[in-house]
Amino acid sequence: MRRSTITAALATAALLLTACGGGGGGTDETATGGTDETSAEEETSAAESEGEEEAPVRGDQDLVIWTDDVKFDAVTAAAEAFGEANGISVGVQAIVNTRTDFITANEAGNGPDVLVGAHDWIGQLVSNGAIDPLQISGDSLSGYADRAVSAVTYNGQLYGVPYGVESLVLYCNTEYAPDTYATIDDAIAAGQAAKDAGQVDSALNIPQGVDGDPYNMQPLYTSAGGYLFGVTADGTPDPADLGVGTEAGQAAAAKLATLGSSGSGVLSTAISGDNAIALFADGRAACLISGPWALGDVTTGLGADGFTVQPIPGFADGGPAVPFMGAQAFYVASNGANKSFAQAFVTGTTGGSLNTEETMQILFDNANLPPAMTSVRETAAAADPLVGVFGDAADQAQPMPAIPAMDQVWTPLGQAYAAIIGGADPAATMVTAGETISSAIASS
């Protein structure tokens, strides 16, 4: 579908990192909203002047919410509406190391009432006893995309209300690859023709880099028959069923090897998260696998009508391409000072609560992340069809495993992909990666 005018860039690069399990990095500065803004800024400045880091603490409002700076404005708008409707004070704080600082502060009893973050944090949060199950049933979220609800369900219990979703999509430059494509092979063929003609440097940019990138390789890996984890009876990813070194994983790796240096050369470790979007936006690649966070740069570089966006198609001889899906959600802190307000805000359906069309519309208007609530998404897609494309892509994706074992996958599997792209034996490389991951899971 052609890029149409959209009200704002959908999400920043930092937002996808949350889908990859990131919780923020850098310093521990805390910027706050609400009535505590001045004092928090003074405390942060004092800590910086002394060369120290100041640990974040909750404010004294009736309802305190922690998020990151990317989502701060959207969360603040939603929280203030709830506060006004219910006659309570609210405070939203933008925390740099959101997840880790929350776990520490919650354990100490000085954390927030509500946390906003990625769904793949849930496993760690639950294992630390940091969040409570929601006091509603899954049926209460029947108005949300199924994959979004699945993402915030862990061990059969609902832990969050999702408000936005995202996943990888296929962008193609209309000058060199003007169609939408039924298979990834067709997109590659169009891009390769442009490369052979000297019009572009790359047929398809898939960020990998020298260390590999399992997140961006996932759609091709799954289309080729690979999987990361099996699932338990309740649908939770099963760390005891690792697919990396299995026959399925080896076969998928063999397919990926045909795109590496010993095959067509479509995959390259020279294409990384640092340059993949920029090269495509500069017209030097025919197609790109990326997410909604690339939209602003791509639109600036190629123009509103210079590219197409579609869910990633699979290989002609394979299954569907199933990228990771990330959901952003609201959680109730297990040790919050005002848990009744927290449950009312997160699960309620009246009075400015989160679980309403009005609040979900506020969040979309301020964050422009494809909505998890289907009615809000449909309204947004009617105004801008591209919202629907991103939403459809997320519906076809698989929630990133929220289990703690997923942390052991990234580095060994990334290294395996980089080696395979460089010409290493795919079967042996995946077996070794599987053994490394299994050992790390067993010892964690």
Protein backbone atom coordinates (compact mmCIF):
# COMPACT_ATOMS: atom_id res chain seq x y z
CA MET A 1 0.00 0.00 0.00
CA ARG A 2 1.26 3.46 -0.85
CA ARG A 3 2.45 5.75 1.85
CA SER A 4 -0.26 8.27 2.58
CA THR A 5 -0.12 11.42 4.69
CA ILE A 6 0.14 10.62 8.40
CA THR A 7 -0.21 13.02 11.29
CA ALA A 8 3.25 12.33 12.72
CA ALA A 9 6.12 9.86 12.56
CA LEU A 10 4.84 6.71 14.18
CA ALA A 11 7.54 5.71 16.66
CA THR A 12 11.17 6.39 17.32
CA ALA A 13 14.01 3.90 17.08
CA ALA A 14 14.06 3.67 20.86
CA LEU A 15 10.57 2.26 20.84
CA LEU A 16 11.56 -0.82 18.85
CA LEU A 17 14.43 -1.46 21.17
CA THR A 18 11.77 -1.97 23.79
CA ALA A 19 10.33 -4.69 21.62
CA CYS A 20 13.72 -6.28 21.68
CA GLY A 21 13.71 -6.27 25.47
CA GLY A 22 15.41 -2.92 25.99
CA GLY A 23 14.51 -0.87 28.97
CA GLY A 24 16.53 2.23 28.32
CA GLY A 25 20.18 2.90 28.68
CA GLY A 26 22.63 5.64 29.49
CA THR A 27 22.42 7.61 32.71
CA ASP A 28 19.98 7.28 35.56
CA GLU A 29 18.58 10.78 35.25
CA THR A 30 14.94 11.18 36.19
CA ALA A 31 12.71 13.77 34.58
CA THR A 32 9.27 14.08 36.12
CA GLY A 33 5.96 15.61 35.29
CA GLY A 34 3.22 16.73 37.64
CA THR A 35 3.77 18.68 40.82
CA ASP A 36 7.23 17.25 41.56
CA GLU A 37 8.89 18.51 38.37
CA THR A 38 10.95 21.32 39.87
CA SER A 39 12.27 19.41 42.85
CA ALA A 40 13.19 16.37 40.73
CA GLU A 41 15.09 18.54 38.27
CA GLU A 42 16.94 20.22 41.12
CA GLU A 43 17.83 16.84 42.58
CA THR A 44 19.09 15.58 39.22
CA SER A 45 21.18 18.72 38.65
CA ALA A 46 22.69 18.37 42.10
CA ALA A 47 23.54 14.73 41.49
CA GLU A 48 25.14 15.59 38.14
CA SER A 49 27.19 18.40 39.70
CA GLU A 50 28.52 15.97 42.29
CA GLY A 51 29.18 13.30 39.63
CA GLU A 52 26.63 10.99 41.24
CA GLU A 53 23.53 9.28 39.94
CA GLU A 54 20.23 9.89 41.69
CA ALA A 55 17.94 6.86 42.01
CA PRO A 56 14.35 7.66 41.03
CA VAL A 57 11.63 7.57 43.68
CA ARG A 58 7.85 7.97 43.50
CA GLY A 59 6.19 11.31 44.00
CA ASP A 60 3.47 11.99 46.54
CA GLN A 61 0.55 12.03 44.10
CA ASP A 62 -2.42 9.70 44.44
CA LEU A 63 -1.43 7.84 41.26
CA VAL A 64 2.20 7.66 40.13
CA ILE A 65 3.16 6.21 36.75
CA TRP A 66 6.64 5.45 35.43
CA THR A 67 7.43 5.33 31.72
CA ASP A 68 10.29 6.47 29.47
CA ASP A 69 10.86 9.79 27.74
CA VAL A 70 9.58 8.48 24.39
CA LYS A 71 6.11 7.75 25.78
CA PHE A 72 6.06 10.46 28.43
CA ASP A 73 3.76 12.94 26.64
CA ALA A 74 1.24 10.29 25.61
CA VAL A 75 1.09 8.70 29.06
CA THR A 76 0.82 12.09 30.74
CA ALA A 77 -2.15 13.08 28.57
CA ALA A 78 -3.95 9.82 29.42
CA ALA A 79 -3.14 9.98 33.14
CA GLU A 80 -4.23 13.59 33.50
CA ALA A 81 -7.60 12.76 31.93
CA PHE A 82 -8.07 10.02 34.54
CA GLY A 83 -7.04 12.33 37.36
CA GLU A 84 -9.47 15.04 36.30
CA ALA A 85 -12.33 12.56 35.91
CA ASN A 86 -11.75 11.05 39.35
CA GLY A 87 -10.60 14.07 41.34
CA ILE A 88 -7.17 12.68 42.21
CA SER A 89 -3.63 13.91 41.68
CA VAL A 90 -1.44 12.09 39.17
CA GLY A 91 2.28 12.20 38.46
CA VAL A 92 4.06 10.73 35.45
CA GLN A 93 7.82 10.24 35.59
CA ALA A 94 10.12 9.56 32.64
CA ILE A 95 12.71 7.09 33.93
CA VAL A 96 15.84 6.38 31.92
CA ASN A 97 16.48 2.80 33.07
CA THR A 98 12.78 2.16 33.34
CA ARG A 99 12.63 -1.57 33.92
CA THR A 100 15.64 -2.06 36.18
CA ASP A 101 14.95 1.03 38.27
CA PHE A 102 11.33 -0.02 38.65
CA ILE A 103 12.24 -3.48 39.94
CA THR A 104 14.64 -1.98 42.49
CA ALA A 105 12.29 0.79 43.63
CA ASN A 106 9.27 -1.50 43.82
CA GLU A 107 11.15 -3.93 46.05
CA ALA A 108 12.14 -1.05 48.31
CA GLY A 109 8.58 0.23 48.48
CA ASN A 110 9.24 3.60 46.84
CA GLY A 111 8.28 2.82 43.27
CA PRO A 112 5.23 3.84 41.23
CA ASP A 113 1.72 2.47 41.17
CA VAL A 114 1.77 1.79 37.43
CA LEU A 115 4.54 0.91 34.99
CA VAL A 116 4.44 1.41 31.22
CA GLY A 117 6.72 -0.74 29.09
CA ALA A 118 7.21 -3.52 26.58
CA HIS A 119 5.38 -6.82 26.91
CA ASP A 120 8.60 -8.84 26.82
CA TRP A 121 9.52 -7.40 30.22
CA ILE A 122 6.75 -9.48 31.80
CA GLY A 123 8.78 -12.63 32.44
CA GLN A 124 11.42 -10.77 34.42
CA LEU A 125 8.87 -8.63 36.21
CA VAL A 126 6.84 -11.66 37.26
CA SER A 127 9.90 -13.62 38.35
CA ASN A 128 10.83 -10.66 40.56
CA GLY A 129 7.30 -10.39 41.93
CA ALA A 130 7.18 -6.82 40.67
CA ILE A 131 3.75 -6.71 39.00
CA ASP A 132 0.31 -8.03 39.90
CA PRO A 133 -2.08 -9.92 37.63
CA LEU A 134 -4.88 -7.65 36.49
CA GLN A 135 -8.24 -7.98 38.18
CA ILE A 136 -10.08 -8.62 34.94
CA SER A 137 -10.47 -11.60 32.63
CA GLY A 138 -9.07 -11.93 29.12
CA ASP A 139 -12.64 -11.52 27.84
CA SER A 140 -12.53 -7.93 29.08
CA LEU A 141 -10.00 -7.26 26.33
CA SER A 142 -12.10 -8.72 23.52
CA GLY A 143 -11.93 -5.36 21.77
CA TYR A 144 -8.16 -5.63 21.34
CA ALA A 145 -6.09 -7.40 18.70
CA ASP A 146 -5.66 -11.06 19.63
CA ARG A 147 -1.87 -10.96 19.35
CA ALA A 148 -1.73 -7.94 21.64
CA VAL A 149 -3.71 -9.75 24.31
CA SER A 150 -1.57 -12.85 23.88
CA ALA A 151 1.53 -10.72 24.36
CA VAL A 152 0.45 -9.50 27.80
CA THR A 153 -0.70 -12.94 28.98
CA TYR A 154 1.91 -14.93 30.88
CA ASN A 155 1.51 -18.37 32.44
CA GLY A 156 -2.19 -18.12 31.70
CA GLN A 157 -2.66 -14.82 33.55
CA LEU A 158 -3.29 -11.34 32.19
CA TYR A 159 -0.68 -8.85 33.42
CA GLY A 160 -1.12 -5.79 31.25
CA VAL A 161 -3.46 -3.72 29.10
CA PRO A 162 -1.80 -3.12 25.72
CA TYR A 163 -2.20 0.18 23.94
CA GLY A 164 0.14 -0.05 20.94
CA VAL A 165 1.75 -2.70 18.77
CA GLU A 166 4.60 -2.84 16.26
CA SER A 167 6.52 -5.26 14.10
CA LEU A 168 8.78 -5.35 11.10
CA VAL A 169 7.45 -4.61 7.61
CA LEU A 170 8.83 -4.55 4.06
CA TYR A 171 9.54 -1.13 2.54
CA CYS A 172 10.31 -0.93 -1.19
CA ASN A 173 11.44 2.04 -3.27
CA THR A 174 8.81 2.53 -6.01
CA GLU A 175 11.45 3.59 -8.51
CA TYR A 176 13.21 0.21 -8.38
CA ALA A 177 10.66 -2.18 -6.86
CA PRO A 178 7.31 -0.60 -7.67
CA ASP A 179 4.92 -3.37 -6.64
CA THR A 180 3.81 -5.10 -3.51
CA TYR A 181 5.05 -8.66 -3.50
CA ALA A 182 3.58 -12.09 -2.82
CA THR A 183 6.96 -13.56 -1.84
CA ILE A 184 10.22 -12.21 -0.51
CA ASP A 185 11.85 -13.87 -3.53
CA ASP A 186 9.89 -11.52 -5.82
CA ALA A 187 10.98 -8.46 -3.85
CA ILE A 188 14.60 -9.62 -3.92
CA ALA A 189 14.41 -10.27 -7.67
CA ALA A 190 13.15 -6.74 -8.32
CA GLY A 191 15.86 -5.29 -6.13
CA GLN A 192 18.55 -7.48 -7.68
CA ALA A 193 17.61 -6.28 -11.17
CA ALA A 194 18.10 -2.70 -10.00
CA LYS A 195 21.43 -3.63 -8.41
CA ASP A 196 22.61 -5.42 -11.55
CA ALA A 197 21.73 -2.29 -13.53
CA GLY A 198 23.90 -0.20 -11.21
CA GLN A 199 20.94 1.75 -9.85
CA VAL A 200 21.30 0.67 -6.21
CA ASP A 201 23.97 -0.85 -4.01
CA SER A 202 21.70 -3.36 -2.30
CA ALA A 203 18.69 -5.39 -3.35
CA LEU A 204 17.32 -5.70 0.19
CA ASN A 205 18.64 -4.22 3.42
CA ILE A 206 18.22 -6.53 6.40
CA PRO A 207 20.16 -5.17 9.39
CA GLN A 208 22.66 -7.73 10.67
CA GLY A 209 26.05 -6.15 11.31
CA VAL A 210 29.19 -7.98 12.34
CA ASP A 211 27.46 -9.49 15.39
CA GLY A 212 24.30 -10.57 13.58
CA ASP A 213 20.77 -9.52 14.51
CA PRO A 214 18.18 -12.20 15.40
CA TYR A 215 15.39 -9.63 15.69
CA ASN A 216 15.64 -8.57 12.06
CA MET A 217 16.37 -12.09 10.79
CA GLN A 218 13.33 -13.62 12.50
CA PRO A 219 10.86 -13.24 9.59
CA LEU A 220 13.15 -15.06 7.15
CA TYR A 221 14.16 -17.67 9.74
CA THR A 222 10.52 -18.52 10.46
CA SER A 223 9.53 -18.60 6.78
CA ALA A 224 12.36 -21.07 6.22
CA GLY A 225 10.87 -23.33 8.91
CA GLY A 226 12.86 -22.31 11.97
CA TYR A 227 11.55 -21.56 15.45
CA LEU A 228 13.06 -20.32 18.68
CA PHE A 229 10.89 -21.89 21.39
CA GLY A 230 8.01 -24.30 21.39
CA VAL A 231 5.01 -23.47 23.56
CA THR A 232 3.45 -25.02 26.64
CA ALA A 233 -0.19 -26.06 26.86
CA ASP A 234 -1.22 -22.54 27.92
CA GLY A 235 0.67 -20.94 25.05
CA THR A 236 3.68 -19.71 27.02
CA PRO A 237 7.04 -20.13 25.23
CA ASP A 238 8.82 -23.23 26.52
CA PRO A 239 12.54 -22.80 27.31
CA ALA A 240 12.90 -26.60 27.36
CA ASP A 241 11.99 -26.73 23.66
CA LEU A 242 14.69 -24.70 21.92
CA GLY A 243 14.50 -24.84 18.15
CA VAL A 244 17.83 -23.28 17.22
CA GLY A 245 19.94 -26.42 16.88
CA THR A 246 17.17 -28.79 15.80
CA GLU A 247 16.74 -30.16 12.29
CA ALA A 248 14.22 -27.37 11.64
CA GLY A 249 16.72 -24.75 12.79
CA GLN A 250 19.48 -26.26 10.69
CA ALA A 251 17.27 -26.36 7.60
CA ALA A 252 16.27 -22.74 8.10
CA ALA A 253 19.92 -21.76 8.45
CA ALA A 254 20.74 -23.58 5.20
CA LYS A 255 18.10 -21.47 3.45
CA LEU A 256 19.54 -18.28 4.92
CA ALA A 257 23.00 -19.33 3.76
CA THR A 258 21.79 -19.17 0.15
CA LEU A 259 21.39 -15.41 0.67
CA GLY A 260 24.85 -14.98 2.23
CA SER A 261 28.31 -14.49 0.80
CA SER A 262 28.45 -18.03 -0.57
CA GLY A 263 25.09 -17.53 -2.30
CA SER A 264 23.35 -14.48 -3.76
CA GLY A 265 25.00 -12.00 -1.39
CA VAL A 266 21.71 -10.35 -0.45
CA LEU A 267 22.57 -10.67 3.24
CA SER A 268 25.62 -8.72 4.35
CA THR A 269 27.15 -7.94 7.72
CA ALA A 270 28.02 -4.52 6.26
CA ILE A 271 24.32 -3.66 6.60
CA SER A 272 23.54 -2.93 10.24
CA GLY A 273 21.12 -1.06 12.40
CA ASP A 274 23.35 1.98 12.01
CA ASN A 275 23.03 2.30 8.24
CA ALA A 276 20.20 0.13 6.89
CA ILE A 277 17.48 2.81 7.09
CA ALA A 278 19.73 5.66 5.98
CA LEU A 279 20.94 3.82 2.88
CA PHE A 280 17.38 2.98 1.88
CA ALA A 281 16.15 6.50 2.54
CA ASP A 282 19.04 7.77 0.40
CA GLY A 283 17.87 5.65 -2.53
CA ARG A 284 20.80 3.24 -2.38
CA ALA A 285 18.77 0.11 -1.57
CA ALA A 286 15.72 -1.19 -3.40
CA CYS A 287 13.96 -2.65 -0.35
CA LEU A 288 14.30 -2.59 3.42
CA ILE A 289 13.07 -4.69 6.33
CA SER A 290 12.41 -2.37 9.25
CA GLY A 291 9.53 -1.09 11.36
CA PRO A 292 7.38 2.00 11.89
CA TRP A 293 10.33 3.80 13.50
CA ALA A 294 11.89 4.06 10.00
CA LEU A 295 8.90 5.92 8.58
CA GLY A 296 10.07 9.46 9.28
CA ASP A 297 13.50 9.02 7.70
CA VAL A 298 12.12 7.11 4.73
CA THR A 299 9.44 9.73 4.04
CA THR A 300 11.99 12.54 4.28
CA GLY A 301 14.37 10.77 1.93
CA LEU A 302 12.05 9.30 -0.69
CA GLY A 303 8.94 11.45 -0.41
CA ALA A 304 5.44 10.42 0.61
CA ASP A 305 4.82 8.55 -2.64
CA GLY A 306 8.32 7.18 -3.10
CA PHE A 307 7.85 3.85 -1.36
CA THR A 308 5.42 1.05 -0.53
CA VAL A 309 4.89 -0.68 2.80
CA GLN A 310 3.51 -4.18 3.30
CA PRO A 311 3.69 -7.06 5.76
CA ILE A 312 6.80 -9.13 5.06
CA PRO A 313 6.02 -11.98 2.64
CA GLY A 314 7.58 -15.41 3.02
CA PHE A 315 9.77 -17.46 0.72
CA ALA A 316 8.08 -18.99 -2.33
CA ASP A 317 8.97 -22.47 -1.08
CA GLY A 318 8.47 -21.71 2.60
CA GLY A 319 5.88 -20.78 5.17
CA PRO A 320 4.68 -17.36 6.30
CA ALA A 321 7.28 -14.86 7.46
CA VAL A 322 6.56 -14.29 11.14
CA PRO A 323 8.52 -11.40 12.66
CA PHE A 324 8.48 -10.54 16.32
CA MET A 325 5.60 -8.42 17.54
CA GLY A 326 6.05 -5.93 20.36
CA ALA A 327 3.24 -4.56 22.50
CA GLN A 328 3.45 -1.56 24.76
CA ALA A 329 1.32 -1.98 27.88
CA PHE A 330 0.40 -0.69 31.33
CA TYR A 331 1.13 -2.82 34.42
CA VAL A 332 0.10 -2.59 38.08
CA ALA A 333 3.05 -2.52 40.49
CA SER A 334 2.91 -5.21 43.16
CA ASN A 335 4.18 -2.86 45.88
CA GLY A 336 2.56 0.41 44.83
CA ALA A 337 1.26 2.76 47.47
CA ASN A 338 -2.18 3.10 45.84
CA LYS A 339 -2.95 -0.21 44.16
CA SER A 340 -6.71 0.43 44.09
CA PHE A 341 -6.18 3.56 42.00
CA ALA A 342 -3.75 1.63 39.81
CA GLN A 343 -6.19 -1.20 39.11
CA ALA A 344 -8.99 1.29 38.47
CA PHE A 345 -6.87 3.25 36.01
CA VAL A 346 -5.48 0.25 34.12
CA THR A 347 -8.55 -2.02 34.03
CA GLY A 348 -11.50 0.36 34.33
CA THR A 349 -13.91 1.11 31.50
CA THR A 350 -15.26 4.49 32.67
CA GLY A 351 -14.08 7.80 34.07
CA GLY A 352 -10.96 8.28 31.97
CA SER A 353 -9.64 4.78 32.68
CA LEU A 354 -7.19 3.18 30.28
CA ASN A 355 -9.51 0.47 28.98
CA THR A 356 -11.72 2.89 27.01
CA GLU A 357 -11.84 4.13 23.43
CA GLU A 358 -11.40 7.69 24.63
CA THR A 359 -8.14 6.99 26.48
CA MET A 360 -6.79 4.73 23.76
CA GLN A 361 -7.49 7.52 21.27
CA ILE A 362 -5.58 9.95 23.50
CA LEU A 363 -2.61 7.57 23.52
CA PHE A 364 -2.68 7.17 19.74
CA ASP A 365 -3.01 10.90 19.14
CA ASN A 366 0.07 11.56 21.26
CA ALA A 367 2.25 8.54 20.47
CA ASN A 368 1.04 7.49 16.99
CA LEU A 369 1.87 3.86 17.69
CA PRO A 370 -0.52 1.50 15.83
CA PRO A 371 -3.37 0.96 18.32
CA ALA A 372 -3.95 -2.36 20.06
CA MET A 373 -7.67 -1.59 20.44
CA THR A 374 -9.24 -2.55 17.14
CA SER A 375 -11.91 0.17 17.01
CA VAL A 376 -9.32 2.90 17.52
CA ARG A 377 -7.09 1.31 14.89
CA GLU A 378 -9.96 1.16 12.39
CA THR A 379 -10.74 4.83 12.90
CA ALA A 380 -7.08 5.77 12.50
CA ALA A 381 -6.68 3.58 9.42
CA ALA A 382 -9.69 5.21 7.77
CA ALA A 383 -7.84 8.53 8.02
CA ASP A 384 -4.46 7.05 7.10
CA PRO A 385 -4.38 3.55 5.56
CA LEU A 386 -0.75 3.14 6.53
CA VAL A 387 -1.79 2.78 10.17
CA GLY A 388 -3.77 -0.25 9.07
CA VAL A 389 -0.78 -1.71 7.23
CA PHE A 390 1.42 -1.49 10.33
CA GLY A 391 -1.40 -2.92 12.43
CA ASP A 392 -1.98 -5.80 10.01
CA ALA A 393 1.73 -6.59 10.08
CA ALA A 394 1.65 -6.77 13.87
CA ASP A 395 -1.39 -9.06 13.73
CA GLN A 396 0.57 -11.46 11.54
CA ALA A 397 3.62 -11.38 13.81
CA GLN A 398 4.39 -13.43 16.92
CA PRO A 399 4.76 -11.78 20.32
CA MET A 400 8.40 -11.78 21.29
CA PRO A 401 8.94 -14.45 23.96
CA ALA A 402 8.59 -12.78 27.35
CA ILE A 403 10.36 -15.58 29.22
CA PRO A 404 13.70 -14.75 30.91
CA ALA A 405 15.38 -17.46 28.79
CA MET A 406 15.03 -15.18 25.75
CA ASP A 407 17.88 -13.07 27.14
CA GLN A 408 20.23 -16.00 26.49
CA VAL A 409 19.30 -16.20 22.80
CA TRP A 410 20.37 -12.87 21.35
CA THR A 411 24.17 -13.01 21.39
CA PRO A 412 24.82 -16.65 20.39
CA LEU A 413 22.15 -16.66 17.68
CA GLY A 414 23.31 -13.30 16.33
CA GLN A 415 26.87 -14.57 16.12
CA ALA A 416 25.61 -17.69 14.34
CA TYR A 417 23.77 -15.62 11.75
CA ALA A 418 26.82 -13.44 11.13
CA ALA A 419 28.98 -16.54 10.65
CA ILE A 420 26.47 -18.14 8.27
CA ILE A 421 26.24 -14.94 6.23
CA GLY A 422 30.03 -15.06 6.00
CA GLY A 423 30.03 -18.61 4.66
CA ALA A 424 30.24 -20.86 7.75
CA ASP A 425 28.55 -24.25 7.64
CA PRO A 426 24.92 -23.51 8.58
CA ALA A 427 24.09 -26.82 10.26
CA ALA A 428 27.20 -27.01 12.44
CA THR A 429 26.93 -23.33 13.31
CA MET A 430 23.33 -23.64 14.47
CA VAL A 431 24.03 -26.77 16.48
CA THR A 432 26.81 -24.96 18.31
CA ALA A 433 24.59 -21.93 18.90
CA GLY A 434 21.84 -24.16 20.26
CA GLU A 435 24.22 -25.86 22.66
CA THR A 436 25.51 -22.48 23.87
CA ILE A 437 22.02 -21.14 24.41
CA SER A 438 20.80 -24.29 26.16
CA SER A 439 23.78 -24.24 28.50
CA ALA A 440 23.22 -20.57 29.32
CA ILE A 441 19.53 -21.17 30.03
CA ALA A 442 20.33 -24.11 32.31
CA SER A 443 22.80 -22.07 34.34
CA SER A 444 20.75 -18.86 34.55
